[in-house]
């Protein structure tokens, strides 16, 4: 368990007192003044708890804890001050999102109680973060892999869209990357309700009839409806619901709401993916730019930087026992009887590789197979 505590105060003798009284119970760190404290948060964290004095030259404790929150949102923040009044307390709570507001002098015993509670709060926050980022993401990944086996056409692009969304999140400075990756893995969930012929034509950019276009345009809402009642997936379901919505607004600032931002990122990633299957990256971006204000300009600019990180692939003709994870099918992979096992452009995962070996040994697979092999 993380028991790192950072005390920020402009009086060295007070910091030395904290260190003497608490060093046997906690991993105590001290910083003289606001700037040194914020530097410690950036360079020596993560801290379970940060305790800041209120009255310090240059920057008061409220401002310090607000900046701590911005850099380390999971760190628990405590205000310790000799200038306790209602106005200071309200400001600290509203702006610094503090966990406790303590008055000086504060005995080591009372301070230890608050620190222990802060460490427990930090543990709970990190446990929830791990649940969301690892357990939930892992569960969705398993579901996505199962669906890719059941419906290869609908889920052939999952790994690519996830890669694009991760790239966009990095370029746009978004920290909650796992949310955008989950949206990528589940954005085609509604496609399982579409007729195979409609799905195939749509994914190969063939024209759809008016009825087919109508039902295809509804698949994001179908997926969102399936996900919206699952705890912690509300924002992700909204991202998926808006994946076909054009930007068409004059402002170029990124949306403040994560759901709208994620939807616009999906919109760019999905259209880019379909174009890039038959065009070079630069050409795909140019085609999208000519579509006017359909895409958010900052997101499209971020996608354009994909050109600098394009994976180098070589097409080879292989037997099933030569295929490896991370290769990409360059054609549909079918059994001898015509059952689709992999769609064109689908990345090989461990479950898919196991499936290919299983069908190869039983009913047989049409070989050899054209595969894109990473260089």
Protein backbone atom coordinates (compact mmCIF):
# COMPACT_ATOMS: atom_id res chain seq x y z
CA UNK A 1 0.00 0.00 0.00
CA UNK A 2 1.21 3.50 -0.87
CA UNK A 3 1.92 5.36 2.40
CA UNK A 4 3.79 8.29 0.86
CA UNK A 5 2.81 11.60 2.46
CA UNK A 6 3.93 15.02 1.22
CA UNK A 7 3.85 18.03 3.55
CA UNK A 8 4.05 21.49 1.98
CA UNK A 9 4.80 24.47 4.21
CA UNK A 10 6.96 27.57 4.02
CA UNK A 11 8.35 27.08 7.56
CA UNK A 12 11.21 24.56 7.71
CA UNK A 13 10.92 23.97 11.46
CA UNK A 14 7.27 22.89 11.07
CA UNK A 15 8.23 20.46 8.31
CA UNK A 16 11.01 19.03 10.48
CA UNK A 17 8.46 18.53 13.25
CA UNK A 18 6.17 16.55 10.93
CA UNK A 19 9.09 14.40 9.88
CA UNK A 20 10.17 13.63 13.47
CA UNK A 21 6.65 12.85 14.66
CA UNK A 22 5.44 10.76 11.72
CA UNK A 23 8.42 9.16 9.95
CA UNK A 24 7.97 5.84 11.79
CA UNK A 25 4.37 5.52 10.61
CA UNK A 26 4.58 6.88 7.08
CA UNK A 27 6.98 7.56 4.23
CA UNK A 28 7.23 11.28 4.90
CA UNK A 29 8.36 13.79 2.27
CA UNK A 30 8.55 17.55 2.82
CA UNK A 31 8.70 20.55 0.53
CA UNK A 32 9.47 24.17 1.44
CA UNK A 33 6.88 26.38 -0.23
CA UNK A 34 4.38 25.94 -3.09
CA UNK A 35 6.77 25.66 -6.04
CA UNK A 36 8.94 23.02 -4.39
CA UNK A 37 5.80 21.16 -3.36
CA UNK A 38 4.35 21.07 -6.87
CA UNK A 39 7.73 19.99 -8.23
CA UNK A 40 7.74 17.09 -5.75
CA UNK A 41 4.24 16.06 -6.89
CA UNK A 42 5.43 15.98 -10.49
CA UNK A 43 8.77 14.28 -9.93
CA UNK A 44 8.48 12.18 -6.75
CA UNK A 45 4.86 11.00 -6.84
CA UNK A 46 2.50 9.37 -6.71
CA UNK A 47 1.70 10.41 -3.15
CA UNK A 48 -1.23 8.91 -1.29
CA UNK A 49 -1.82 12.18 0.59
CA UNK A 50 -0.64 15.77 0.19
CA UNK A 51 -0.97 18.08 3.22
CA UNK A 52 -0.59 21.78 2.48
CA UNK A 53 -0.45 24.84 4.69
CA UNK A 54 -2.85 27.64 3.75
CA UNK A 55 -0.87 30.85 4.18
CA UNK A 56 2.28 30.74 2.07
CA UNK A 57 4.00 33.48 0.04
CA UNK A 58 3.28 33.52 -3.69
CA UNK A 59 0.51 30.92 -3.66
CA UNK A 60 -1.96 29.94 -0.96
CA UNK A 61 -2.86 26.39 -0.05
CA UNK A 62 -6.09 26.40 -2.06
CA UNK A 63 -4.19 27.18 -5.26
CA UNK A 64 -1.57 24.55 -4.43
CA UNK A 65 -4.13 21.82 -3.85
CA UNK A 66 -6.03 22.79 -6.99
CA UNK A 67 -2.85 22.27 -9.01
CA UNK A 68 -2.13 19.01 -7.16
CA UNK A 69 -5.60 17.81 -8.17
CA UNK A 70 -4.97 18.72 -11.82
CA UNK A 71 -1.68 16.77 -11.93
CA UNK A 72 -2.55 13.88 -9.58
CA UNK A 73 -6.36 13.60 -9.32
CA UNK A 74 -6.25 10.43 -7.22
CA UNK A 75 -3.99 11.91 -4.54
CA UNK A 76 -5.97 12.80 -1.40
CA UNK A 77 -5.63 16.45 -0.39
CA UNK A 78 -5.65 17.85 3.19
CA UNK A 79 -5.50 21.50 4.25
CA UNK A 80 -3.71 22.33 7.51
CA UNK A 81 -3.84 25.99 8.57
CA UNK A 82 -3.69 28.41 11.45
CA UNK A 83 -6.10 30.76 9.66
CA UNK A 84 -9.22 28.66 9.92
CA UNK A 85 -12.45 30.43 9.02
CA UNK A 86 -15.57 29.55 7.11
CA UNK A 87 -14.59 31.46 3.98
CA UNK A 88 -11.23 29.68 3.72
CA UNK A 89 -12.87 26.31 4.32
CA UNK A 90 -15.51 26.83 1.64
CA UNK A 91 -12.90 28.00 -0.87
CA UNK A 92 -10.65 25.03 -0.13
CA UNK A 93 -13.50 22.55 -0.48
CA UNK A 94 -14.86 24.07 -3.71
CA UNK A 95 -11.58 24.77 -5.49
CA UNK A 96 -9.13 22.30 -4.02
CA UNK A 97 -11.58 19.42 -3.51
CA UNK A 98 -9.96 18.72 -0.15
CA UNK A 99 -10.57 15.61 1.91
CA UNK A 100 -10.05 17.26 5.32
CA UNK A 101 -9.66 20.82 6.61
CA UNK A 102 -7.57 20.82 9.82
CA UNK A 103 -6.71 23.70 12.16
CA UNK A 104 -3.31 24.40 13.68
CA UNK A 105 -2.15 23.41 16.14
CA UNK A 106 -3.03 19.81 15.30
CA UNK A 107 -1.72 17.05 17.56
CA UNK A 108 0.24 14.17 15.96
CA UNK A 109 -2.53 11.81 17.11
CA UNK A 110 -5.30 13.76 15.35
CA UNK A 111 -3.13 14.29 12.29
CA UNK A 112 -2.39 10.53 12.13
CA UNK A 113 -6.11 9.75 12.18
CA UNK A 114 -6.69 12.03 9.18
CA UNK A 115 -3.66 10.64 7.35
CA UNK A 116 -4.85 7.05 7.91
CA UNK A 117 -8.30 7.99 6.60
CA UNK A 118 -6.67 9.70 3.63
CA UNK A 119 -4.56 6.65 2.82
CA UNK A 120 -7.65 4.45 2.98
CA UNK A 121 -9.49 6.86 0.67
CA UNK A 122 -6.55 6.72 -1.75
CA UNK A 123 -6.61 2.91 -1.63
CA UNK A 124 -10.33 2.90 -2.50
CA UNK A 125 -9.81 5.34 -5.37
CA UNK A 126 -6.97 3.26 -6.81
CA UNK A 127 -8.99 0.05 -6.41
CA UNK A 128 -11.83 1.61 -8.37
CA UNK A 129 -9.39 2.87 -11.00
CA UNK A 130 -7.95 -0.63 -11.36
CA UNK A 131 -11.45 -2.08 -11.61
CA UNK A 132 -12.32 0.31 -14.42
CA UNK A 133 -9.08 0.26 -16.35
CA UNK A 134 -8.10 -3.40 -15.94
CA UNK A 135 -11.03 -5.57 -14.87
CA UNK A 136 -13.68 -3.84 -16.99
CA UNK A 137 -11.34 -3.41 -19.95
CA UNK A 138 -10.31 -7.06 -19.71
CA UNK A 139 -13.94 -8.21 -19.66
CA UNK A 140 -14.79 -6.07 -22.68
CA UNK A 141 -11.70 -7.37 -24.49
CA UNK A 142 -12.84 -10.97 -23.93
CA UNK A 143 -16.34 -10.13 -25.17
CA UNK A 144 -14.92 -8.37 -28.22
CA UNK A 145 -12.75 -11.37 -29.08
CA UNK A 146 -15.72 -13.73 -28.77
CA UNK A 147 -17.80 -11.51 -31.03
CA UNK A 148 -14.97 -11.39 -33.57
CA UNK A 149 -15.20 -15.18 -33.78
CA UNK A 150 -18.99 -15.15 -34.12
CA UNK A 151 -19.17 -12.27 -36.60
CA UNK A 152 -15.79 -11.69 -38.30
CA UNK A 153 -17.14 -9.07 -40.70
CA UNK A 154 -18.54 -6.79 -38.00
CA UNK A 155 -15.50 -7.01 -35.76
CA UNK A 156 -12.70 -7.22 -38.33
CA UNK A 157 -11.73 -3.59 -37.74
CA UNK A 158 -11.76 -3.64 -33.92
CA UNK A 159 -7.99 -3.80 -33.39
CA UNK A 160 -7.38 -1.06 -35.97
CA UNK A 161 -10.02 1.28 -34.54
CA UNK A 162 -8.62 0.72 -31.04
CA UNK A 163 -5.14 1.60 -32.34
CA UNK A 164 -6.46 4.76 -34.01
CA UNK A 165 -8.37 5.86 -30.89
CA UNK A 166 -5.30 5.36 -28.71
CA UNK A 167 -3.27 7.42 -31.17
CA UNK A 168 -5.87 10.21 -31.21
CA UNK A 169 -6.15 10.28 -27.41
CA UNK A 170 -2.38 10.69 -27.15
CA UNK A 171 -2.23 13.44 -29.77
CA UNK A 172 -5.13 15.32 -28.14
CA UNK A 173 -3.70 15.06 -24.63
CA UNK A 174 -6.46 12.87 -23.20
CA UNK A 175 -5.56 10.90 -20.06
CA UNK A 176 -8.47 8.45 -19.75
CA UNK A 177 -7.28 6.46 -22.76
CA UNK A 178 -9.03 3.28 -21.57
CA UNK A 179 -12.45 4.87 -22.15
CA UNK A 180 -11.67 5.59 -25.79
CA UNK A 181 -10.24 2.08 -26.26
CA UNK A 182 -13.41 0.51 -24.83
CA UNK A 183 -15.53 2.63 -27.16
CA UNK A 184 -13.45 1.34 -30.08
CA UNK A 185 -13.86 -2.29 -29.02
CA UNK A 186 -17.65 -1.97 -28.67
CA UNK A 187 -18.54 0.55 -31.39
CA UNK A 188 -19.61 -2.19 -33.84
CA UNK A 189 -21.70 -4.12 -31.31
CA UNK A 190 -24.96 -3.07 -32.96
CA UNK A 191 -23.81 -4.57 -36.28
CA UNK A 192 -24.66 -8.04 -35.01
CA UNK A 193 -28.31 -7.19 -35.77
CA UNK A 194 -27.63 -6.40 -39.46
CA UNK A 195 -28.10 -8.85 -42.34
CA UNK A 196 -24.72 -10.29 -43.44
CA UNK A 197 -25.12 -8.96 -47.00
CA UNK A 198 -25.78 -5.42 -45.78
CA UNK A 199 -22.85 -5.59 -43.39
CA UNK A 200 -20.50 -6.87 -46.07
CA UNK A 201 -21.50 -4.16 -48.56
CA UNK A 202 -21.16 -1.43 -45.96
CA UNK A 203 -17.71 -2.50 -44.79
CA UNK A 204 -16.47 -2.72 -48.39
CA UNK A 205 -17.83 0.76 -49.21
CA UNK A 206 -20.37 -0.60 -51.71
CA UNK A 207 -23.59 1.43 -52.19
CA UNK A 208 -26.51 0.55 -49.91
CA UNK A 209 -30.20 0.68 -50.75
CA UNK A 210 -32.25 3.32 -48.86
CA UNK A 211 -33.62 0.62 -46.52
CA UNK A 212 -30.15 -0.81 -45.91
CA UNK A 213 -28.73 2.64 -45.24
CA UNK A 214 -31.48 3.33 -42.72
CA UNK A 215 -30.88 0.18 -40.69
CA UNK A 216 -27.10 0.59 -40.87
CA UNK A 217 -27.32 4.16 -39.53
CA UNK A 218 -29.25 2.81 -36.52
CA UNK A 219 -26.62 0.31 -35.37
CA UNK A 220 -24.84 2.81 -33.04
CA UNK A 221 -28.11 3.39 -31.16
CA UNK A 222 -28.63 -0.36 -30.89
CA UNK A 223 -25.19 -0.76 -29.32
CA UNK A 224 -25.73 2.21 -27.01
CA UNK A 225 -29.04 0.75 -25.88
CA UNK A 226 -27.33 -2.52 -24.96
CA UNK A 227 -24.61 -0.73 -22.97
CA UNK A 228 -26.31 2.22 -21.32
CA UNK A 229 -27.59 0.27 -18.32
CA UNK A 230 -24.23 -1.31 -17.52
CA UNK A 231 -22.54 0.50 -14.60
CA UNK A 232 -19.59 2.72 -15.59
CA UNK A 233 -20.34 2.42 -19.33
CA UNK A 234 -22.72 5.38 -19.61
CA UNK A 235 -20.17 7.75 -21.14
CA UNK A 236 -18.88 5.05 -23.47
CA UNK A 237 -22.41 4.22 -24.68
CA UNK A 238 -22.89 7.91 -25.55
CA UNK A 239 -19.63 7.92 -27.50
CA UNK A 240 -20.85 4.95 -29.51
CA UNK A 241 -24.32 6.45 -30.06
CA UNK A 242 -22.79 9.55 -31.66
CA UNK A 243 -20.21 7.87 -33.90
CA UNK A 244 -22.03 8.86 -37.13
CA UNK A 245 -22.75 12.46 -36.09
CA UNK A 246 -20.99 15.10 -38.21
CA UNK A 247 -19.22 18.01 -36.48
CA UNK A 248 -20.57 20.81 -38.74
CA UNK A 249 -19.97 23.57 -36.16
CA UNK A 250 -17.83 26.66 -36.76
CA UNK A 251 -15.82 26.41 -33.52
CA UNK A 252 -12.65 24.32 -33.57
CA UNK A 253 -12.16 23.89 -29.82
CA UNK A 254 -12.32 20.32 -28.58
CA UNK A 255 -15.66 19.43 -26.94
CA UNK A 256 -15.62 19.72 -23.16
CA UNK A 257 -17.79 16.65 -22.70
CA UNK A 258 -15.85 13.39 -22.95
CA UNK A 259 -18.81 11.61 -24.58
CA UNK A 260 -19.02 14.13 -27.43
CA UNK A 261 -15.25 14.14 -27.87
CA UNK A 262 -15.15 10.34 -27.99
CA UNK A 263 -17.98 10.28 -30.53
CA UNK A 264 -16.13 12.69 -32.83
CA UNK A 265 -12.93 10.67 -32.46
CA UNK A 266 -14.82 7.49 -33.41
CA UNK A 267 -16.37 9.29 -36.39
CA UNK A 268 -12.92 10.20 -37.72
CA UNK A 269 -11.35 6.82 -36.89
CA UNK A 270 -14.10 4.75 -38.53
CA UNK A 271 -14.23 6.75 -41.77
CA UNK A 272 -10.43 6.85 -41.93
CA UNK A 273 -10.28 3.08 -41.45
CA UNK A 274 -12.61 2.37 -44.36
CA UNK A 275 -10.76 4.74 -46.66
CA UNK A 276 -7.30 3.51 -45.66
CA UNK A 277 -8.16 -0.06 -46.71
CA UNK A 278 -7.97 1.06 -50.35
CA UNK A 279 -5.98 4.32 -50.18
CA UNK A 280 -2.64 5.44 -48.71
CA UNK A 281 -2.90 7.34 -45.43
CA UNK A 282 -2.19 10.75 -46.97
CA UNK A 283 -4.81 10.22 -49.68
CA UNK A 284 -7.39 9.10 -47.12
CA UNK A 285 -6.85 12.25 -45.05
CA UNK A 286 -7.12 14.47 -48.15
CA UNK A 287 -10.43 12.83 -49.10
CA UNK A 288 -11.75 13.49 -45.59
CA UNK A 289 -10.59 17.13 -45.68
CA UNK A 290 -12.56 17.67 -48.91
CA UNK A 291 -15.76 16.65 -47.13
CA UNK A 292 -16.00 20.12 -45.58
CA UNK A 293 -16.87 20.48 -41.91
CA UNK A 294 -17.96 16.86 -41.47
CA UNK A 295 -15.08 16.14 -39.05
CA UNK A 296 -13.65 18.09 -36.14
CA UNK A 297 -10.55 19.87 -37.54
CA UNK A 298 -8.28 19.19 -34.56
CA UNK A 299 -9.16 15.51 -34.55
CA UNK A 300 -8.60 15.21 -38.29
CA UNK A 301 -5.23 16.94 -37.92
CA UNK A 302 -4.32 14.46 -35.18
CA UNK A 303 -5.30 11.54 -37.41
CA UNK A 304 -3.13 12.95 -40.19
CA UNK A 305 -0.10 12.29 -37.99
CA UNK A 306 -0.76 8.56 -38.44
CA UNK A 307 1.34 8.88 -41.58
CA UNK A 308 4.43 9.07 -39.43
CA UNK A 309 3.69 5.86 -37.49
CA UNK A 310 2.22 3.64 -40.20
CA UNK A 311 3.04 -0.01 -39.63
CA UNK A 312 5.13 -1.53 -42.39
CA UNK A 313 3.50 -4.71 -43.69
CA UNK A 314 4.44 -7.23 -46.35
CA UNK A 315 1.90 -9.45 -48.08
CA UNK A 316 2.84 -13.14 -48.04
CA UNK A 317 1.04 -16.32 -49.04
CA UNK A 318 1.02 -18.68 -46.07
CA UNK A 319 -0.27 -21.99 -44.81
CA UNK A 320 -2.34 -22.01 -41.62
CA UNK A 321 0.56 -23.35 -39.53
CA UNK A 322 2.68 -20.36 -40.66
CA UNK A 323 0.20 -17.73 -39.48
CA UNK A 324 1.05 -15.86 -36.27
CA UNK A 325 -0.62 -13.38 -33.91
CA UNK A 326 -0.60 -9.73 -35.13
CA UNK A 327 -0.63 -10.70 -38.80
CA UNK A 328 -3.54 -9.23 -40.79
CA UNK A 329 -5.63 -11.12 -43.33
CA UNK A 330 -5.33 -9.72 -46.87
CA UNK A 331 -8.38 -11.67 -48.04
CA UNK A 332 -11.34 -13.50 -46.55
CA UNK A 333 -10.37 -16.75 -44.84
CA UNK A 334 -12.97 -19.51 -45.31
CA UNK A 335 -13.39 -23.19 -44.65
CA UNK A 336 -13.50 -25.64 -47.53
CA UNK A 337 -17.30 -25.41 -47.22
CA UNK A 338 -17.34 -21.61 -47.50
CA UNK A 339 -17.83 -20.63 -43.83
CA UNK A 340 -16.22 -17.26 -43.12
CA UNK A 341 -13.54 -17.49 -40.42
CA UNK A 342 -11.77 -14.14 -40.90
CA UNK A 343 -12.78 -11.03 -42.78
CA UNK A 344 -10.30 -9.23 -45.00
CA UNK A 345 -8.26 -6.78 -42.94
CA UNK A 346 -8.83 -8.60 -39.64
CA UNK A 347 -5.91 -8.91 -37.23
CA UNK A 348 -5.00 -12.35 -35.93
CA UNK A 349 -5.51 -12.72 -32.18
CA UNK A 350 -4.83 -15.79 -30.05
CA UNK A 351 -8.51 -16.96 -30.12
CA UNK A 352 -8.64 -16.49 -33.91
CA UNK A 353 -5.38 -18.40 -34.35
CA UNK A 354 -6.74 -21.25 -32.24
CA UNK A 355 -9.89 -21.26 -34.35
CA UNK A 356 -7.91 -21.44 -37.58
CA UNK A 357 -5.89 -24.39 -36.30
CA UNK A 358 -9.06 -26.15 -35.08
CA UNK A 359 -10.92 -25.77 -38.39
CA UNK A 360 -7.80 -26.67 -40.37
CA UNK A 361 -7.56 -30.02 -38.56
CA UNK A 362 -11.27 -30.84 -38.84
CA UNK A 363 -13.24 -29.45 -41.80
CA UNK A 364 -10.30 -27.93 -43.64
CA UNK A 365 -9.46 -24.35 -44.70
CA UNK A 366 -8.94 -23.01 -48.21
CA UNK A 367 -5.17 -22.55 -48.47
CA UNK A 368 -2.80 -20.84 -49.08
CA UNK A 369 -3.91 -17.55 -47.50
CA UNK A 370 -2.70 -14.05 -48.26
CA UNK A 371 -1.59 -12.40 -45.03
CA UNK A 372 -0.06 -9.02 -44.22
CA UNK A 373 3.01 -9.68 -42.10
CA UNK A 374 4.51 -6.94 -39.87
CA UNK A 375 8.09 -6.11 -40.81
